[in-house]
Amino acid sequence: MSIASRPDSFCNYLNLHIEEWGNVKLIYRHYATLYFVFAVDSQESDLGILDLIQVFVESLDKCFCNVCELDLIFHSDKVHYVLDEIVSGGMVLETNISMVLESVKEQGKLGKTSLRMGEVQQTDVYRR
C-alpha cells in the first residue's frame, strides 16, 4: 500500500523491512498536494521526526512563499540547502526556523557575490 493511498485516519508512520536498509520506519506528513517522507531507524522518536518535518515544511514555506511541487523541482538546490541547515550527518542541528532562514539568506548573498565576481573575472579576461 502506498502512502498516498492511506486514509487520513491512519497513523503517520509505517514499519517496513527494506532489503538494503533492514528494518526502517517511514514517517510522513501530508500537506495539500505534497507528502514529506523520512526513512529512519527504529530508535528514532516518531513525534520528534514529525516535528522535524513540520520545521522543514515551515522553513520551505517561508523561503518560497507557500511551497509547491514546482519549487521542489526547479529549486532543489535551495531545498537541499534548507534540509542541510536542519540536519547534517543524521543529526538534527537546528530547529529554530528564523536561524535556518538567516543561513539560507546568507547563502543566497554569497551566491550572488560569487556570480558578480565571476562576471568581473570574465570581463578582465576579455580585456586582455
Protein backbone atom coordinates (compact mmCIF):
# COMPACT_ATOMS: atom_id res chain seq x y z
CA MET A 1 0.00 0.00 0.00
CA SER A 2 1.43 3.38 -0.95
CA ILE A 3 1.49 6.29 1.49
CA ALA A 4 -0.67 8.43 -0.81
CA SER A 5 -3.48 5.87 -0.70
CA ARG A 6 -3.57 5.62 3.10
CA PRO A 7 -6.64 7.17 4.74
CA ASP A 8 -6.10 10.28 6.88
CA SER A 9 -7.35 8.34 9.90
CA PHE A 10 -4.25 6.09 9.82
CA CYS A 11 -1.13 6.97 11.81
CA ASN A 12 1.71 8.83 10.10
CA TYR A 13 4.30 6.07 10.18
CA LEU A 14 4.91 2.62 8.74
CA ASN A 15 7.28 -0.07 9.96
CA LEU A 16 8.89 -1.81 7.00
CA HIS A 17 11.69 -4.17 6.15
CA ILE A 18 13.65 -2.91 3.16
CA GLU A 19 16.27 -5.31 1.83
CA GLU A 20 19.06 -2.72 1.53
CA TRP A 21 18.34 -0.94 4.83
CA GLY A 22 16.81 -3.57 7.09
CA ASN A 23 14.01 -2.55 9.47
CA VAL A 24 13.04 1.10 8.98
CA LYS A 25 10.18 3.40 9.82
CA LEU A 26 8.68 5.67 7.20
CA ILE A 27 7.36 8.77 8.94
CA TYR A 28 5.38 11.19 6.81
CA ARG A 29 3.20 14.29 6.80
CA HIS A 30 0.72 15.29 4.13
CA TYR A 31 0.40 18.99 3.26
CA ALA A 32 -2.09 19.88 0.49
CA THR A 33 -0.64 18.04 -2.52
CA LEU A 34 2.79 17.34 -1.02
CA TYR A 35 3.96 14.36 1.01
CA PHE A 36 7.16 14.65 3.03
CA VAL A 37 8.56 11.23 3.96
CA PHE A 38 11.55 10.48 6.19
CA ALA A 39 13.04 6.98 6.42
CA VAL A 40 14.54 6.46 9.89
CA ASP A 41 15.74 3.58 12.04
CA SER A 42 13.57 2.07 14.74
CA GLN A 43 15.32 4.04 17.51
CA GLU A 44 14.08 7.45 16.30
CA SER A 45 11.16 9.15 18.01
CA ASP A 46 8.05 9.27 15.81
CA LEU A 47 6.91 12.56 17.31
CA GLY A 48 10.40 14.05 17.05
CA ILE A 49 10.54 13.28 13.33
CA LEU A 50 7.02 14.64 12.79
CA ASP A 51 8.17 17.85 14.48
CA LEU A 52 11.28 17.88 12.28
CA ILE A 53 9.11 17.57 9.16
CA GLN A 54 6.99 20.47 10.43
CA VAL A 55 10.08 22.67 10.87
CA PHE A 56 11.32 21.68 7.40
CA VAL A 57 8.00 22.49 5.72
CA GLU A 58 7.57 25.79 7.58
CA SER A 59 11.10 26.79 6.55
CA LEU A 60 10.34 25.93 2.92
CA ASP A 61 7.04 27.85 3.13
CA LYS A 62 8.88 30.97 4.24
CA CYS A 63 11.64 30.55 1.64
CA PHE A 64 9.22 30.07 -1.26
CA CYS A 65 6.08 31.88 -0.01
CA ASN A 66 3.86 28.77 0.12
CA VAL A 67 5.98 25.92 -1.19
CA CYS A 68 4.59 23.85 -4.07
CA GLU A 69 5.74 20.97 -6.27
CA LEU A 70 7.37 23.31 -8.79
CA ASP A 71 9.51 24.91 -6.08
CA LEU A 72 10.79 21.49 -5.06
CA ILE A 73 11.54 20.55 -8.67
CA PHE A 74 13.10 23.74 -10.01
CA HIS A 75 14.85 24.87 -6.83
CA SER A 76 16.04 21.55 -5.47
CA ASP A 77 19.41 23.08 -4.60
CA LYS A 78 17.74 25.54 -2.23
CA VAL A 79 15.54 22.76 -0.77
CA HIS A 80 18.65 20.68 -0.08
CA TYR A 81 20.37 23.67 1.48
CA VAL A 82 17.42 24.19 3.86
CA LEU A 83 17.48 20.50 4.81
CA ASP A 84 21.26 20.63 5.29
CA GLU A 85 20.83 23.55 7.68
CA ILE A 86 18.39 21.48 9.75
CA VAL A 87 20.01 18.02 9.54
CA SER A 88 23.62 17.04 8.89
CA GLY A 89 25.14 13.59 9.12
CA GLY A 90 21.90 12.20 10.52
CA MET A 91 21.93 14.63 13.44
CA VAL A 92 19.43 17.43 13.92
CA LEU A 93 21.43 20.66 14.09
CA GLU A 94 18.83 23.43 14.07
CA THR A 95 15.09 23.59 14.67
CA ASN A 96 14.79 27.37 15.00
CA ILE A 97 13.15 28.44 11.73
CA SER A 98 14.47 32.01 11.90
CA MET A 99 18.06 30.73 12.22
CA VAL A 100 17.56 28.39 9.27
CA LEU A 101 16.15 31.22 7.14
CA GLU A 102 19.01 33.53 8.14
CA SER A 103 21.54 30.94 6.94
CA VAL A 104 19.63 30.49 3.67
CA LYS A 105 19.66 34.27 3.10
CA GLU A 106 23.41 34.40 3.79
CA GLN A 107 23.96 31.57 1.31
CA GLY A 108 21.93 33.49 -1.29
CA LYS A 109 24.08 36.58 -0.74
CA LEU A 110 27.26 34.53 -1.13
CA GLY A 111 25.91 33.03 -4.35
CA LYS A 112 25.15 36.46 -5.79
CA THR A 113 28.57 37.77 -4.74
CA SER A 114 30.37 34.85 -6.38
CA LEU A 115 28.35 35.38 -9.57
CA ARG A 116 29.36 39.04 -9.64
CA MET A 117 33.00 38.11 -9.05
CA GLY A 118 32.78 35.64 -11.94
CA GLU A 119 31.44 38.41 -14.20
CA VAL A 120 34.32 40.69 -13.19
CA GLN A 121 36.88 37.97 -13.87
CA GLN A 122 35.36 37.22 -17.28
CA THR A 123 35.43 40.93 -18.15
CA ASP A 124 39.12 41.08 -17.20
CA VAL A 125 39.87 38.06 -19.39
CA TYR A 126 38.15 39.65 -22.40
CA ARG A 127 40.15 42.86 -22.00
CA ARG A 128 43.48 41.03 -22.27
